[in-house]
Amino acid sequence: MADSAASSVAAPTLSRTGARNRRRRLLDRAIARAIALGGVAVIIAITLIFVYLLGVVLPLFEGASWRLQASYPAPGTGATLDLALEEQGEIGSRTTDAGQIVYFRADTGAELARFDLHPSGAAVSAFTWVDAARARAAVAFTDGSVRVVQQTYEVSYPDDVRHIEPGLEFPLGEEPLEIAPGALIRALAVRMDADAALVAALVDDRLLLRHYSLATSLLNESAEASLESEAEVALPLRARFLLLDPERRWLYLAAEDGELLAYDLRDPAEPRLNQRLRLTEPGTRLTRLEHLLGGISLLAGASDGSIAQWFPVRDAANAYALSRVRGFAGTGAPVAALAIEH
């Protein structure tokens, strides 16, 4: 009787234990398969990453190639002073000596907008970048005035479609600055920040300097430039190149024969000649002169194709002077242009 009772109690217990063991085995197998599947997925993911990296790196070992995407007449009138693309590569801009900036579609050449750079339509006599990274340039006109212009691109998404609207702003005010009324400006250099601007212009064999303080109008948030000081320097050479460093401390003038004048502008009302030297070898002409990134070093390109880098260093008297720090041999053909990274 007792044995029969014990058997009846043990049977359900063994049954429950067996069920738990089966569930545990099923769970163990499921977890093992999940772990195996996760491991395989990790291996596949790592393999795909390597495949992607391989696809990115392989073209570096292949030859460069290009293809013509479109060809069309240059939009606008006049000779090209500058040609640029906005960062999306969809809209191009062309600045011309006719005093216009024309925006157009890069893929078709269709004109999108056209702006006159001078209120009365005067032609351009000189063009220079103020800040190329911000698409800000300075333009001198045949009436002796100067205007700083900045290309703008407003991006919007009507109906979830990207739309870029080109425009033009005037960081030094709407009205052109009267730098040399009635005279022809041959070369121009402009540097500015939020508080001040310095304009340097070559007129005949004279250097004109105009220092402005900047303020923002409380009425319409437009910029207002007020003349703080001006200076005029008679030059001992026929300068062709004119550069101004970003800090408005140093101004460089150079002639085609390679002779350079360096002026100290700590007091822009009284520029001081700091150095006079020759950038090129005897018998060669200076064909290009540009600042390197940062606006400290100078790159001088010559008629024999050579390029030299000049850098201001302190001399024995603890004064700054330009020194040649390195050079690149020429190819025999004149240096026509220098493209500096921004």
C-alpha atoms as a PDB file:
ATOM      1  CA  MET A   1       0.000   0.000   0.000  1.00  0.00           C
ATOM      2  CA  ALA A   2       2.852   2.332   0.937  1.00  0.00           C
ATOM      3  CA  ASP A   3       4.829   1.378  -2.184  1.00  0.00           C
ATOM      4  CA  SER A   4       1.852   2.175  -4.360  1.00  0.00           C
ATOM      5  CA  ALA A   5       1.465   5.623  -2.781  1.00  0.00           C
ATOM      6  CA  ALA A   6       5.186   6.410  -3.217  1.00  0.00           C
ATOM      7  CA  SER A   7       5.028   5.416  -6.869  1.00  0.00           C
ATOM      8  CA  SER A   8       2.048   7.656  -7.482  1.00  0.00           C
ATOM      9  CA  VAL A   9       3.906  10.648  -5.967  1.00  0.00           C
ATOM     10  CA  ALA A  10       7.201  10.003  -7.814  1.00  0.00           C
ATOM     11  CA  ALA A  11       5.593   9.708 -11.263  1.00  0.00           C
ATOM     12  CA  PRO A  12       4.382  13.338 -11.502  1.00  0.00           C
ATOM     13  CA  THR A  13       7.718  14.547 -10.075  1.00  0.00           C
ATOM     14  CA  LEU A  14       9.718  12.682 -12.708  1.00  0.00           C
ATOM     15  CA  SER A  15       7.330  13.915 -15.363  1.00  0.00           C
ATOM     16  CA  ARG A  16       7.844  17.557 -14.326  1.00  0.00           C
ATOM     17  CA  THR A  17      11.621  17.101 -14.142  1.00  0.00           C
ATOM     18  CA  GLY A  18      11.690  15.612 -17.619  1.00  0.00           C
ATOM     19  CA  ALA A  19       9.634  18.484 -19.008  1.00  0.00           C
ATOM     20  CA  ARG A  20      11.988  21.012 -17.431  1.00  0.00           C
ATOM     21  CA  ASN A  21      14.996  19.195 -18.886  1.00  0.00           C
ATOM     22  CA  ARG A  22      13.413  19.191 -22.332  1.00  0.00           C
ATOM     23  CA  ARG A  23      12.671  22.925 -22.084  1.00  0.00           C
ATOM     24  CA  ARG A  24      16.208  23.546 -20.891  1.00  0.00           C
ATOM     25  CA  ARG A  25      17.657  21.569 -23.798  1.00  0.00           C
ATOM     26  CA  LEU A  26      15.438  23.443 -26.247  1.00  0.00           C
ATOM     27  CA  LEU A  27      16.469  26.768 -24.709  1.00  0.00           C
ATOM     28  CA  ASP A  28      20.144  25.779 -24.768  1.00  0.00           C
ATOM     29  CA  ARG A  29      19.893  24.832 -28.441  1.00  0.00           C
ATOM     30  CA  ALA A  30      18.075  28.099 -29.256  1.00  0.00           C
ATOM     31  CA  ILE A  31      20.682  30.178 -27.422  1.00  0.00           C
ATOM     32  CA  ALA A  32      23.515  28.258 -29.074  1.00  0.00           C
ATOM     33  CA  ARG A  33      22.007  28.860 -32.506  1.00  0.00           C
ATOM     34  CA  ALA A  34      21.424  32.558 -31.695  1.00  0.00           C
ATOM     35  CA  ILE A  35      25.049  32.909 -30.595  1.00  0.00           C
ATOM     36  CA  ALA A  36      26.241  31.155 -33.733  1.00  0.00           C
ATOM     37  CA  LEU A  37      23.986  33.348 -35.864  1.00  0.00           C
ATOM     38  CA  GLY A  38      25.288  36.471 -34.105  1.00  0.00           C
ATOM     39  CA  GLY A  39      28.872  35.376 -34.690  1.00  0.00           C
ATOM     40  CA  VAL A  40      28.191  34.761 -38.367  1.00  0.00           C
ATOM     41  CA  ALA A  41      26.503  38.186 -38.612  1.00  0.00           C
ATOM     42  CA  VAL A  42      29.559  39.867 -37.039  1.00  0.00           C
ATOM     43  CA  ILE A  43      31.855  38.084 -39.480  1.00  0.00           C
ATOM     44  CA  ILE A  44      29.628  39.141 -42.402  1.00  0.00           C
ATOM     45  CA  ALA A  45      29.549  42.738 -41.129  1.00  0.00           C
ATOM     46  CA  ILE A  46      33.336  42.878 -40.778  1.00  0.00           C
ATOM     47  CA  THR A  47      33.715  41.341 -44.238  1.00  0.00           C
ATOM     48  CA  LEU A  48      31.369  43.969 -45.731  1.00  0.00           C
ATOM     49  CA  ILE A  49      33.357  46.729 -44.009  1.00  0.00           C
ATOM     50  CA  PHE A  50      36.547  45.413 -45.575  1.00  0.00           C
ATOM     51  CA  VAL A  51      34.821  45.183 -48.961  1.00  0.00           C
ATOM     52  CA  TYR A  52      33.688  48.822 -48.622  1.00  0.00           C
ATOM     53  CA  LEU A  53      37.156  49.994 -47.585  1.00  0.00           C
ATOM     54  CA  LEU A  54      38.654  48.058 -50.467  1.00  0.00           C
ATOM     55  CA  GLY A  55      36.265  49.814 -52.847  1.00  0.00           C
ATOM     56  CA  VAL A  56      37.309  53.184 -51.430  1.00  0.00           C
ATOM     57  CA  VAL A  57      41.046  52.498 -51.483  1.00  0.00           C
ATOM     58  CA  LEU A  58      41.381  50.704 -54.851  1.00  0.00           C
ATOM     59  CA  PRO A  59      40.709  53.829 -56.971  1.00  0.00           C
ATOM     60  CA  LEU A  60      43.733  55.457 -55.331  1.00  0.00           C
ATOM     61  CA  PHE A  61      45.915  52.961 -57.192  1.00  0.00           C
ATOM     62  CA  GLU A  62      44.222  53.555 -60.524  1.00  0.00           C
ATOM     63  CA  GLY A  63      44.923  56.291 -63.042  1.00  0.00           C
ATOM     64  CA  ALA A  64      42.873  59.494 -62.920  1.00  0.00           C
ATOM     65  CA  SER A  65      40.215  60.034 -65.534  1.00  0.00           C
ATOM     66  CA  TRP A  66      37.781  62.742 -66.540  1.00  0.00           C
ATOM     67  CA  ARG A  67      34.934  63.167 -68.946  1.00  0.00           C
ATOM     68  CA  LEU A  68      33.194  66.116 -70.501  1.00  0.00           C
ATOM     69  CA  GLN A  69      29.829  66.554 -68.821  1.00  0.00           C
ATOM     70  CA  ALA A  70      28.632  69.718 -70.580  1.00  0.00           C
ATOM     71  CA  SER A  71      29.835  72.470 -72.877  1.00  0.00           C
ATOM     72  CA  TYR A  72      28.205  75.847 -73.445  1.00  0.00           C
ATOM     73  CA  PRO A  73      29.100  79.515 -74.089  1.00  0.00           C
ATOM     74  CA  ALA A  74      30.152  81.427 -70.990  1.00  0.00           C
ATOM     75  CA  PRO A  75      27.088  83.137 -69.489  1.00  0.00           C
ATOM     76  CA  GLY A  76      27.184  86.934 -69.345  1.00  0.00           C
ATOM     77  CA  THR A  77      29.292  89.470 -71.199  1.00  0.00           C
ATOM     78  CA  GLY A  78      32.890  90.604 -70.868  1.00  0.00           C
ATOM     79  CA  ALA A  79      36.131  88.870 -69.976  1.00  0.00           C
ATOM     80  CA  THR A  80      36.134  86.433 -67.067  1.00  0.00           C
ATOM     81  CA  LEU A  81      37.731  87.666 -63.853  1.00  0.00           C
ATOM     82  CA  ASP A  82      36.611  84.764 -61.688  1.00  0.00           C
ATOM     83  CA  LEU A  83      34.785  81.479 -62.184  1.00  0.00           C
ATOM     84  CA  ALA A  84      33.493  79.461 -59.221  1.00  0.00           C
ATOM     85  CA  LEU A  85      31.096  76.726 -58.061  1.00  0.00           C
ATOM     86  CA  GLU A  86      29.116  76.585 -54.837  1.00  0.00           C
ATOM     87  CA  GLU A  87      29.774  73.637 -52.536  1.00  0.00           C
ATOM     88  CA  GLN A  88      27.020  71.408 -53.981  1.00  0.00           C
ATOM     89  CA  GLY A  89      28.439  71.814 -57.493  1.00  0.00           C
ATOM     90  CA  GLU A  90      25.022  72.752 -58.875  1.00  0.00           C
ATOM     91  CA  ILE A  91      25.404  76.516 -59.420  1.00  0.00           C
ATOM     92  CA  GLY A  92      28.314  78.357 -60.975  1.00  0.00           C
ATOM     93  CA  SER A  93      29.199  82.032 -60.815  1.00  0.00           C
ATOM     94  CA  ARG A  94      31.091  84.153 -63.325  1.00  0.00           C
ATOM     95  CA  THR A  95      32.450  87.607 -62.517  1.00  0.00           C
ATOM     96  CA  THR A  96      33.326  89.726 -65.573  1.00  0.00           C
ATOM     97  CA  ASP A  97      35.152  92.955 -66.308  1.00  0.00           C
ATOM     98  CA  ALA A  98      31.844  94.353 -67.570  1.00  0.00           C
ATOM     99  CA  GLY A  99      30.910  94.787 -63.902  1.00  0.00           C
ATOM    100  CA  GLN A 100      28.547  91.853 -63.575  1.00  0.00           C
ATOM    101  CA  ILE A 101      28.286  88.607 -61.689  1.00  0.00           C
ATOM    102  CA  VAL A 102      26.228  85.915 -63.388  1.00  0.00           C
ATOM    103  CA  TYR A 103      24.873  82.794 -61.681  1.00  0.00           C
ATOM    104  CA  PHE A 104      24.113  79.779 -63.875  1.00  0.00           C
ATOM    105  CA  ARG A 105      23.330  76.083 -63.699  1.00  0.00           C
ATOM    106  CA  ALA A 106      26.560  74.107 -63.875  1.00  0.00           C
ATOM    107  CA  ASP A 107      25.055  71.234 -65.872  1.00  0.00           C
ATOM    108  CA  THR A 108      23.304  73.268 -68.589  1.00  0.00           C
ATOM    109  CA  GLY A 109      24.702  76.814 -68.450  1.00  0.00           C
ATOM    110  CA  ALA A 110      21.186  78.243 -68.030  1.00  0.00           C
ATOM    111  CA  GLU A 111      21.372  81.691 -66.443  1.00  0.00           C
ATOM    112  CA  LEU A 112      19.735  81.911 -63.011  1.00  0.00           C
ATOM    113  CA  ALA A 113      20.473  85.475 -61.899  1.00  0.00           C
ATOM    114  CA  ARG A 114      22.560  88.480 -62.880  1.00  0.00           C
ATOM    115  CA  PHE A 115      23.764  91.317 -60.651  1.00  0.00           C
ATOM    116  CA  ASP A 116      25.447  94.615 -61.542  1.00  0.00           C
ATOM    117  CA  LEU A 117      28.430  95.174 -59.260  1.00  0.00           C
ATOM    118  CA  HIS A 118      28.330  98.975 -59.632  1.00  0.00           C
ATOM    119  CA  PRO A 119      25.130 101.032 -59.222  1.00  0.00           C
ATOM    120  CA  SER A 120      25.816 102.994 -62.411  1.00  0.00           C
ATOM    121  CA  GLY A 121      27.213 100.053 -64.386  1.00  0.00           C
ATOM    122  CA  ALA A 122      30.900 101.047 -64.374  1.00  0.00           C
ATOM    123  CA  ALA A 123      33.396  98.503 -65.701  1.00  0.00           C
ATOM    124  CA  VAL A 124      35.924  96.688 -63.517  1.00  0.00           C
ATOM    125  CA  SER A 125      39.582  97.721 -63.425  1.00  0.00           C
ATOM    126  CA  ALA A 126      40.848  95.355 -60.688  1.00  0.00           C
ATOM    127  CA  PHE A 127      39.614  92.271 -58.841  1.00  0.00           C
ATOM    128  CA  THR A 128      40.924  90.491 -55.759  1.00  0.00           C
ATOM    129  CA  TRP A 129      39.756  87.983 -53.170  1.00  0.00           C
ATOM    130  CA  VAL A 130      39.201  89.244 -49.639  1.00  0.00           C
ATOM    131  CA  ASP A 131      38.287  85.803 -48.258  1.00  0.00           C
ATOM    132  CA  ALA A 132      37.969  83.094 -50.902  1.00  0.00           C
ATOM    133  CA  ALA A 133      36.650  80.542 -48.401  1.00  0.00           C
ATOM    134  CA  ARG A 134      33.655  82.815 -47.763  1.00  0.00           C
ATOM    135  CA  ALA A 135      33.265  83.831 -51.437  1.00  0.00           C
ATOM    136  CA  ARG A 136      34.064  87.443 -50.507  1.00  0.00           C
ATOM    137  CA  ALA A 137      35.848  89.602 -53.088  1.00  0.00           C
ATOM    138  CA  ALA A 138      36.755  93.240 -53.696  1.00  0.00           C
ATOM    139  CA  VAL A 139      36.228  94.965 -57.019  1.00  0.00           C
ATOM    140  CA  ALA A 140      37.718  98.278 -58.237  1.00  0.00           C
ATOM    141  CA  PHE A 141      35.896 100.195 -60.949  1.00  0.00           C
ATOM    142  CA  THR A 142      37.016 102.531 -63.699  1.00  0.00           C
ATOM    143  CA  ASP A 143      35.624 105.538 -61.796  1.00  0.00           C
ATOM    144  CA  GLY A 144      38.079 104.939 -58.936  1.00  0.00           C
ATOM    145  CA  SER A 145      35.595 103.409 -56.503  1.00  0.00           C
ATOM    146  CA  VAL A 146      35.783 100.051 -54.707  1.00  0.00           C
ATOM    147  CA  ARG A 147      33.097  97.661 -53.535  1.00  0.00           C
ATOM    148  CA  VAL A 148      33.334  94.503 -51.445  1.00  0.00           C
ATOM    149  CA  VAL A 149      30.866  91.819 -52.527  1.00  0.00           C
ATOM    150  CA  GLN A 150      29.998  88.433 -51.077  1.00  0.00           C
ATOM    151  CA  GLN A 151      28.284  85.626 -52.958  1.00  0.00           C
ATOM    152  CA  THR A 152      25.495  83.949 -51.006  1.00  0.00           C
ATOM    153  CA  TYR A 153      23.581  80.712 -51.538  1.00  0.00           C
ATOM    154  CA  GLU A 154      20.371  80.248 -49.546  1.00  0.00           C
ATOM    155  CA  VAL A 155      19.280  76.609 -49.323  1.00  0.00           C
ATOM    156  CA  SER A 156      15.640  75.624 -48.818  1.00  0.00           C
ATOM    157  CA  TYR A 157      13.611  72.413 -49.248  1.00  0.00           C
ATOM    158  CA  PRO A 158      10.163  73.127 -50.750  1.00  0.00           C
ATOM    159  CA  ASP A 159       8.268  69.836 -51.174  1.00  0.00           C
ATOM    160  CA  ASP A 160      11.389  68.020 -49.855  1.00  0.00           C
ATOM    161  CA  VAL A 161      13.385  69.107 -52.917  1.00  0.00           C
ATOM    162  CA  ARG A 162      16.608  71.053 -52.418  1.00  0.00           C
ATOM    163  CA  HIS A 163      16.531  74.563 -53.865  1.00  0.00           C
ATOM    164  CA  ILE A 164      19.547  76.913 -53.894  1.00  0.00           C
ATOM    165  CA  GLU A 165      18.898  80.630 -54.323  1.00  0.00           C
ATOM    166  CA  PRO A 166      22.000  82.649 -55.275  1.00  0.00           C
ATOM    167  CA  GLY A 167      22.376  86.222 -54.091  1.00  0.00           C
ATOM    168  CA  LEU A 168      24.828  89.033 -53.398  1.00  0.00           C
ATOM    169  CA  GLU A 169      25.666  90.977 -50.238  1.00  0.00           C
ATOM    170  CA  PHE A 170      27.843  94.046 -49.588  1.00  0.00           C
ATOM    171  CA  PRO A 171      29.819  93.674 -46.309  1.00  0.00           C
ATOM    172  CA  LEU A 172      31.117  97.288 -46.410  1.00  0.00           C
ATOM    173  CA  GLY A 173      27.778  98.842 -47.263  1.00  0.00           C
ATOM    174  CA  GLU A 174      25.618  99.317 -50.321  1.00  0.00           C
ATOM    175  CA  GLU A 175      27.474 102.358 -51.666  1.00  0.00           C
ATOM    176  CA  PRO A 176      30.905 101.962 -53.316  1.00  0.00           C
ATOM    177  CA  LEU A 177      33.876 103.407 -51.410  1.00  0.00           C
ATOM    178  CA  GLU A 178      35.442 106.451 -53.079  1.00  0.00           C
ATOM    179  CA  ILE A 179      39.119 105.470 -53.051  1.00  0.00           C
ATOM    180  CA  ALA A 180      40.574 107.367 -56.029  1.00  0.00           C
ATOM    181  CA  PRO A 181      37.807 109.436 -57.713  1.00  0.00           C
ATOM    182  CA  GLY A 182      38.440 109.834 -61.421  1.00  0.00           C
ATOM    183  CA  ALA A 183      41.606 107.697 -61.389  1.00  0.00           C
ATOM    184  CA  LEU A 184      42.208 104.158 -62.613  1.00  0.00           C
ATOM    185  CA  ILE A 185      43.030 101.602 -59.923  1.00  0.00           C
ATOM    186  CA  ARG A 186      45.534  99.106 -61.383  1.00  0.00           C
ATOM    187  CA  ALA A 187      45.707  96.681 -58.460  1.00  0.00           C
ATOM    188  CA  LEU A 188      43.759  96.186 -55.256  1.00  0.00           C
ATOM    189  CA  ALA A 189      44.092  94.471 -51.867  1.00  0.00           C
ATOM    190  CA  VAL A 190      41.473  94.448 -49.111  1.00  0.00           C
ATOM    191  CA  ARG A 191      41.421  92.817 -45.671  1.00  0.00           C
ATOM    192  CA  MET A 192      38.662  93.103 -43.095  1.00  0.00           C
ATOM    193  CA  ASP A 193      37.149  91.659 -39.949  1.00  0.00           C
ATOM    194  CA  ALA A 194      34.042  92.478 -37.939  1.00  0.00           C
ATOM    195  CA  ASP A 195      35.431  95.807 -36.705  1.00  0.00           C
ATOM    196  CA  ALA A 196      37.725  97.261 -39.363  1.00  0.00           C
ATOM    197  CA  ALA A 197      38.769  97.137 -43.000  1.00  0.00           C
ATOM    198  CA  LEU A 198      41.893  98.230 -44.831  1.00  0.00           C
ATOM    199  CA  VAL A 199      41.863  99.031 -48.558  1.00  0.00           C
ATOM    200  CA  ALA A 200      45.114  99.313 -50.527  1.00  0.00           C
ATOM    201  CA  ALA A 201      45.105 100.460 -54.153  1.00  0.00           C
ATOM    202  CA  LEU A 202      47.697 101.124 -56.837  1.00  0.00           C
ATOM    203  CA  VAL A 203      47.033 104.269 -58.872  1.00  0.00           C
ATOM    204  CA  ASP A 204      49.749 105.174 -61.382  1.00  0.00           C
ATOM    205  CA  ASP A 205      52.932 104.919 -59.281  1.00  0.00           C
ATOM    206  CA  ARG A 206      51.183 105.721 -56.005  1.00  0.00           C
ATOM    207  CA  LEU A 207      49.976 103.525 -53.169  1.00  0.00           C
ATOM    208  CA  LEU A 208      46.700 104.626 -51.582  1.00  0.00           C
ATOM    209  CA  LEU A 209      45.670 103.309 -48.162  1.00  0.00           C
ATOM    210  CA  ARG A 210      42.238 103.760 -46.586  1.00  0.00           C
ATOM    211  CA  HIS A 211      41.467 102.482 -43.084  1.00  0.00           C
ATOM    212  CA  TYR A 212      37.781 102.092 -42.133  1.00  0.00           C
ATOM    213  CA  SER A 213      35.975 101.255 -38.913  1.00  0.00           C
ATOM    214  CA  LEU A 214      32.884  99.105 -39.305  1.00  0.00           C
ATOM    215  CA  ALA A 215      29.566  99.277 -37.474  1.00  0.00           C
ATOM    216  CA  THR A 216      26.213  97.581 -37.934  1.00  0.00           C
ATOM    217  CA  SER A 217      23.162  99.768 -38.346  1.00  0.00           C
ATOM    218  CA  LEU A 218      20.487  99.185 -35.690  1.00  0.00           C
ATOM    219  CA  LEU A 219      17.771 100.038 -38.197  1.00  0.00           C
ATOM    220  CA  ASN A 220      18.353  97.483 -40.945  1.00  0.00           C
ATOM    221  CA  GLU A 221      21.449  95.526 -39.748  1.00  0.00           C
ATOM    222  CA  SER A 222      23.450  96.736 -42.761  1.00  0.00           C
ATOM    223  CA  ALA A 223      27.155  97.504 -42.454  1.00  0.00           C
ATOM    224  CA  GLU A 224      28.405 101.060 -42.253  1.00  0.00           C
ATOM    225  CA  ALA A 225      32.039 101.946 -43.009  1.00  0.00           C
ATOM    226  CA  SER A 226      33.553 105.125 -41.556  1.00  0.00           C
ATOM    227  CA  LEU A 227      36.919 106.418 -42.785  1.00  0.00           C
ATOM    228  CA  GLU A 228      39.432 106.489 -39.923  1.00  0.00           C
ATOM    229  CA  SER A 229      42.673 107.349 -41.720  1.00  0.00           C
ATOM    230  CA  GLU A 230      44.225 107.594 -45.171  1.00  0.00           C
ATOM    231  CA  ALA A 231      47.746 107.632 -46.545  1.00  0.00           C
ATOM    232  CA  GLU A 232      49.465 108.036 -49.908  1.00  0.00           C
ATOM    233  CA  VAL A 233      52.945 106.766 -50.769  1.00  0.00           C
ATOM    234  CA  ALA A 234      54.956 107.631 -53.883  1.00  0.00           C
ATOM    235  CA  LEU A 235      56.532 104.407 -55.079  1.00  0.00           C
ATOM    236  CA  PRO A 236      60.092 104.065 -56.428  1.00  0.00           C
ATOM    237  CA  LEU A 237      59.038 101.298 -58.831  1.00  0.00           C
ATOM    238  CA  ARG A 238      56.230 100.375 -61.231  1.00  0.00           C
ATOM    239  CA  ALA A 239      54.429  97.811 -59.091  1.00  0.00           C
ATOM    240  CA  ARG A 240      52.249  95.139 -60.666  1.00  0.00           C
ATOM    241  CA  PHE A 241      51.499  92.901 -57.673  1.00  0.00           C
ATOM    242  CA  LEU A 242      49.882  94.019 -54.423  1.00  0.00           C
ATOM    243  CA  LEU A 243      49.315  91.792 -51.362  1.00  0.00           C
ATOM    244  CA  LEU A 244      48.024  92.508 -47.870  1.00  0.00           C
ATOM    245  CA  ASP A 245      48.293  89.976 -45.044  1.00  0.00           C
ATOM    246  CA  PRO A 246      45.108  88.952 -43.121  1.00  0.00           C
ATOM    247  CA  GLU A 247      46.218  90.773 -39.950  1.00  0.00           C
ATOM    248  CA  ARG A 248      46.684  94.019 -41.915  1.00  0.00           C
ATOM    249  CA  ARG A 249      50.251  94.285 -40.604  1.00  0.00           C
ATOM    250  CA  TRP A 250      52.310  93.755 -43.775  1.00  0.00           C
ATOM    251  CA  LEU A 251      51.812  95.036 -47.302  1.00  0.00           C
ATOM    252  CA  TYR A 252      53.876  93.792 -50.249  1.00  0.00           C
ATOM    253  CA  LEU A 253      54.385  95.482 -53.617  1.00  0.00           C
ATOM    254  CA  ALA A 254      56.334  93.858 -56.431  1.00  0.00           C
ATOM    255  CA  ALA A 255      57.333  94.786 -59.973  1.00  0.00           C
ATOM    256  CA  GLU A 256      57.737  92.482 -62.965  1.00  0.00           C
ATOM    257  CA  ASP A 257      61.528  92.592 -62.648  1.00  0.00           C
ATOM    258  CA  GLY A 258      61.169  90.803 -59.290  1.00  0.00           C
ATOM    259  CA  GLU A 259      61.857  93.743 -56.995  1.00  0.00           C
ATOM    260  CA  LEU A 260      59.660  93.812 -53.892  1.00  0.00           C
ATOM    261  CA  LEU A 261      58.837  96.452 -51.275  1.00  0.00           C
ATOM    262  CA  ALA A 262      57.587  95.373 -47.837  1.00  0.00           C
ATOM    263  CA  TYR A 263      55.725  97.973 -45.773  1.00  0.00           C
ATOM    264  CA  ASP A 264      54.984  97.820 -42.053  1.00  0.00           C
ATOM    265  CA  LEU A 265      51.376  98.907 -41.443  1.00  0.00           C
ATOM    266  CA  ARG A 266      51.197  98.925 -37.659  1.00  0.00           C
ATOM    267  CA  ASP A 267      50.084 102.517 -38.152  1.00  0.00           C
ATOM    268  CA  PRO A 268      48.131 102.509 -41.434  1.00  0.00           C
ATOM    269  CA  ALA A 269      48.192 106.322 -41.482  1.00  0.00           C
ATOM    270  CA  GLU A 270      52.003 106.220 -41.695  1.00  0.00           C
ATOM    271  CA  PRO A 271      53.200 103.139 -43.610  1.00  0.00           C
ATOM    272  CA  ARG A 272      56.902 102.444 -43.098  1.00  0.00           C
ATOM    273  CA  LEU A 273      59.168 100.779 -45.673  1.00  0.00           C
ATOM    274  CA  ASN A 274      60.614  97.759 -43.879  1.00  0.00           C
ATOM    275  CA  GLN A 275      62.517  95.928 -46.639  1.00  0.00           C
ATOM    276  CA  ARG A 276      63.473  96.097 -50.290  1.00  0.00           C
ATOM    277  CA  LEU A 277      64.686  92.948 -52.037  1.00  0.00           C
ATOM    278  CA  ARG A 278      64.592  90.893 -55.237  1.00  0.00           C
ATOM    279  CA  LEU A 279      62.432  87.764 -55.436  1.00  0.00           C
ATOM    280  CA  THR A 280      63.698  86.339 -58.748  1.00  0.00           C
ATOM    281  CA  GLU A 281      67.053  85.481 -60.228  1.00  0.00           C
ATOM    282  CA  PRO A 282      68.704  87.992 -62.568  1.00  0.00           C
ATOM    283  CA  GLY A 283      67.280  87.763 -66.075  1.00  0.00           C
ATOM    284  CA  THR A 284      63.924  86.323 -64.965  1.00  0.00           C
ATOM    285  CA  ARG A 285      60.607  88.107 -64.522  1.00  0.00           C
ATOM    286  CA  LEU A 286      58.126  87.789 -61.691  1.00  0.00           C
ATOM    287  CA  THR A 287      54.928  86.390 -63.209  1.00  0.00           C
ATOM    288  CA  ARG A 288      52.850  85.469 -60.131  1.00  0.00           C
ATOM    289  CA  LEU A 289      52.853  86.432 -56.458  1.00  0.00           C
ATOM    290  CA  GLU A 290      50.422  84.888 -53.950  1.00  0.00           C
ATOM    291  CA  HIS A 291      50.021  84.319 -50.226  1.00  0.00           C
ATOM    292  CA  LEU A 292      50.131  80.758 -48.956  1.00  0.00           C
ATOM    293  CA  LEU A 293      47.367  79.513 -46.655  1.00  0.00           C
ATOM    294  CA  GLY A 294      47.453  81.637 -43.517  1.00  0.00           C
ATOM    295  CA  GLY A 295      48.621  84.767 -45.320  1.00  0.00           C
ATOM    296  CA  ILE A 296      52.178  84.741 -43.936  1.00  0.00           C
ATOM    297  CA  SER A 297      54.384  83.070 -46.552  1.00  0.00           C
ATOM    298  CA  LEU A 298      54.677  84.325 -50.126  1.00  0.00           C
ATOM    299  CA  LEU A 299      54.923  82.181 -53.255  1.00  0.00           C
ATOM    300  CA  ALA A 300      56.732  83.843 -56.129  1.00  0.00           C
ATOM    301  CA  GLY A 301      56.451  82.360 -59.620  1.00  0.00           C
ATOM    302  CA  ALA A 302      58.986  83.337 -62.276  1.00  0.00           C
ATOM    303  CA  SER A 303      59.218  83.433 -66.054  1.00  0.00           C
ATOM    304  CA  ASP A 304      61.513  80.381 -66.079  1.00  0.00           C
ATOM    305  CA  GLY A 305      58.872  78.290 -64.292  1.00  0.00           C
ATOM    306  CA  SER A 306      60.588  78.315 -60.905  1.00  0.00           C
ATOM    307  CA  ILE A 307      58.662  78.916 -57.689  1.00  0.00           C
ATOM    308  CA  ALA A 308      60.147  80.222 -54.442  1.00  0.00           C
ATOM    309  CA  GLN A 309      58.657  80.475 -50.966  1.00  0.00           C
ATOM    310  CA  TRP A 310      59.506  83.516 -48.853  1.00  0.00           C
ATOM    311  CA  PHE A 311      58.816  83.740 -45.129  1.00  0.00           C
ATOM    312  CA  PRO A 312      59.210  86.603 -42.608  1.00  0.00           C
ATOM    313  CA  VAL A 313      61.848  85.765 -39.983  1.00  0.00           C
ATOM    314  CA  ARG A 314      63.609  87.865 -37.362  1.00  0.00           C
ATOM    315  CA  ASP A 315      67.052  89.119 -38.347  1.00  0.00           C
ATOM    316  CA  ALA A 316      70.051  89.935 -36.168  1.00  0.00           C
ATOM    317  CA  ALA A 317      68.402  93.195 -35.062  1.00  0.00           C
ATOM    318  CA  ASN A 318      65.242  91.260 -34.004  1.00  0.00           C
ATOM    319  CA  ALA A 319      63.264  92.822 -36.855  1.00  0.00           C
ATOM    320  CA  TYR A 320      61.164  90.886 -39.323  1.00  0.00           C
ATOM    321  CA  ALA A 321      62.544  90.426 -42.836  1.00  0.00           C
ATOM    322  CA  LEU A 322      61.509  88.182 -45.722  1.00  0.00           C
ATOM    323  CA  SER A 323      63.837  85.232 -46.322  1.00  0.00           C
ATOM    324  CA  ARG A 324      63.803  82.576 -49.019  1.00  0.00           C
ATOM    325  CA  VAL A 325      63.063  79.253 -47.305  1.00  0.00           C
ATOM    326  CA  ARG A 326      62.691  76.873 -50.265  1.00  0.00           C
ATOM    327  CA  GLY A 327      62.378  76.749 -54.016  1.00  0.00           C
ATOM    328  CA  PHE A 328      61.225  74.519 -56.858  1.00  0.00           C
ATOM    329  CA  ALA A 329      63.090  74.226 -60.126  1.00  0.00           C
ATOM    330  CA  GLY A 330      61.470  75.634 -63.225  1.00  0.00           C
ATOM    331  CA  THR A 331      60.176  73.873 -66.312  1.00  0.00           C
ATOM    332  CA  GLY A 332      61.188  76.636 -68.694  1.00  0.00           C
ATOM    333  CA  ALA A 333      57.626  77.919 -69.157  1.00  0.00           C
ATOM    334  CA  PRO A 334      56.441  80.966 -67.164  1.00  0.00           C
ATOM    335  CA  VAL A 335      54.258  80.405 -64.119  1.00  0.00           C
ATOM    336  CA  ALA A 336      50.842  81.639 -65.283  1.00  0.00           C
ATOM    337  CA  ALA A 337      48.772  80.911 -62.170  1.00  0.00           C
ATOM    338  CA  LEU A 338      49.123  79.657 -58.596  1.00  0.00           C
ATOM    339  CA  ALA A 339      46.183  77.910 -56.892  1.00  0.00           C
ATOM    340  CA  ILE A 340      46.413  78.012 -53.104  1.00  0.00           C
ATOM    341  CA  GLU A 341      44.381  75.713 -50.857  1.00  0.00           C
ATOM    342  CA  HIS A 342      41.819  77.386 -48.596  1.00  0.00           C
END
